[in-house]
């Protein structure tokens, strides 16, 4: 039922709240404090770039290994849960240490901890992506994708608003700790419906393992033309999305005229950035769940095309606002349109990708490259 699908999607809410807060607010603020305003963009881009390249292997290996977990992990926890537990625990620890390093002003240590944190994120998230095809019937992929998209975007709202508000009360460190606690709670919610003990007969039926088989199995999903097109277009879409979200703080601070105000409400840079993200993500949530349910009825291709056109148009309008109307209210209007497009796309993207998985014997090796193209866009 819907309650189970919501619980299944809870973990993406927790991870995305942590990631949205870290990438959109915490890291831009701390990097600027460490390196100065002239080098802030290049320093932040370097951290994100190194994190991207360092975690490629983690995403591929974790997804593939979760298919083989019946050979060596805890049978009572199933194939995916051990990776999610270890990944989430490591992500929480490294995120707290990362923020502390930022407060100490150590940029090299900061980047190193970010890379390790991203590796733990991939360790948890890549196998997690295989839970939907593992558990959910094919007839409910659209509904599951809608809830997944809604929880994904809701997590980003919680991260943006939570850090912006709590940061002003207790500082960056404790606001980050609170989001990490939320991440662990979301993990427990997902595990409550996702754990499927491995039958004894499957444990005894251990597949052979070799480097050749690993490489071959990871490449195999990419031989399917539909799968290539889905993950390729999804990667391009996510590149545009992250270009806006990851640079939201600097976009507001450097490109929008002060004072930051909407009517009588005056804001600082952090609050204005949070408002920008909240408007975009709130509009995304409004369209995500209904669009996912609609996709099961009318099909997904039309929704993907329309959503992509809306996002493309609004991305162009962001440039127009920066060049000709650099006001916060104008940025918020465009972000609302952008959000509706992102929400509609997100609601069907998981269902479309899941339906195109060429392997039915091991979903992890198919969802691993799919997840890699989403997060590394």
Foldseek 3Di string as FASTA:
>chain_A
DVLLLLLLLLLLLLVLLLVLLVQQPLQLVLQCVQPNDVCSVVLSVVLLVLLLVLQLVLLQVLLVQLLQVLQPHDLQQHRQLVQQVQLLVLLLVLLLVLSVCSVVSDSVVNSVSSSSNSSSVSSNVLNSLCQCVVPPDLLCLLLSLLSNLLSNLNSSLCNLVQQLVVCVVPHNNVSSNVSSVSSVVSSVSSSVNRGDRDDPVVNVVRDDDDPVVSVCLLCVQVVQPLLVVLLVVLLVVLVLVCVCSSCLLVCLVPQADDQADDPPDTDDSSVLSSLLSNLLSVLLSVQRNVLSVVCSPPNQPVLQVVLVVQLVVLSVVSVVCSVPPRHSVSSSVSSNSNSNSNNNNSSCSSSSNSVSRPDPSRCSSSSSSSVSSNVSD
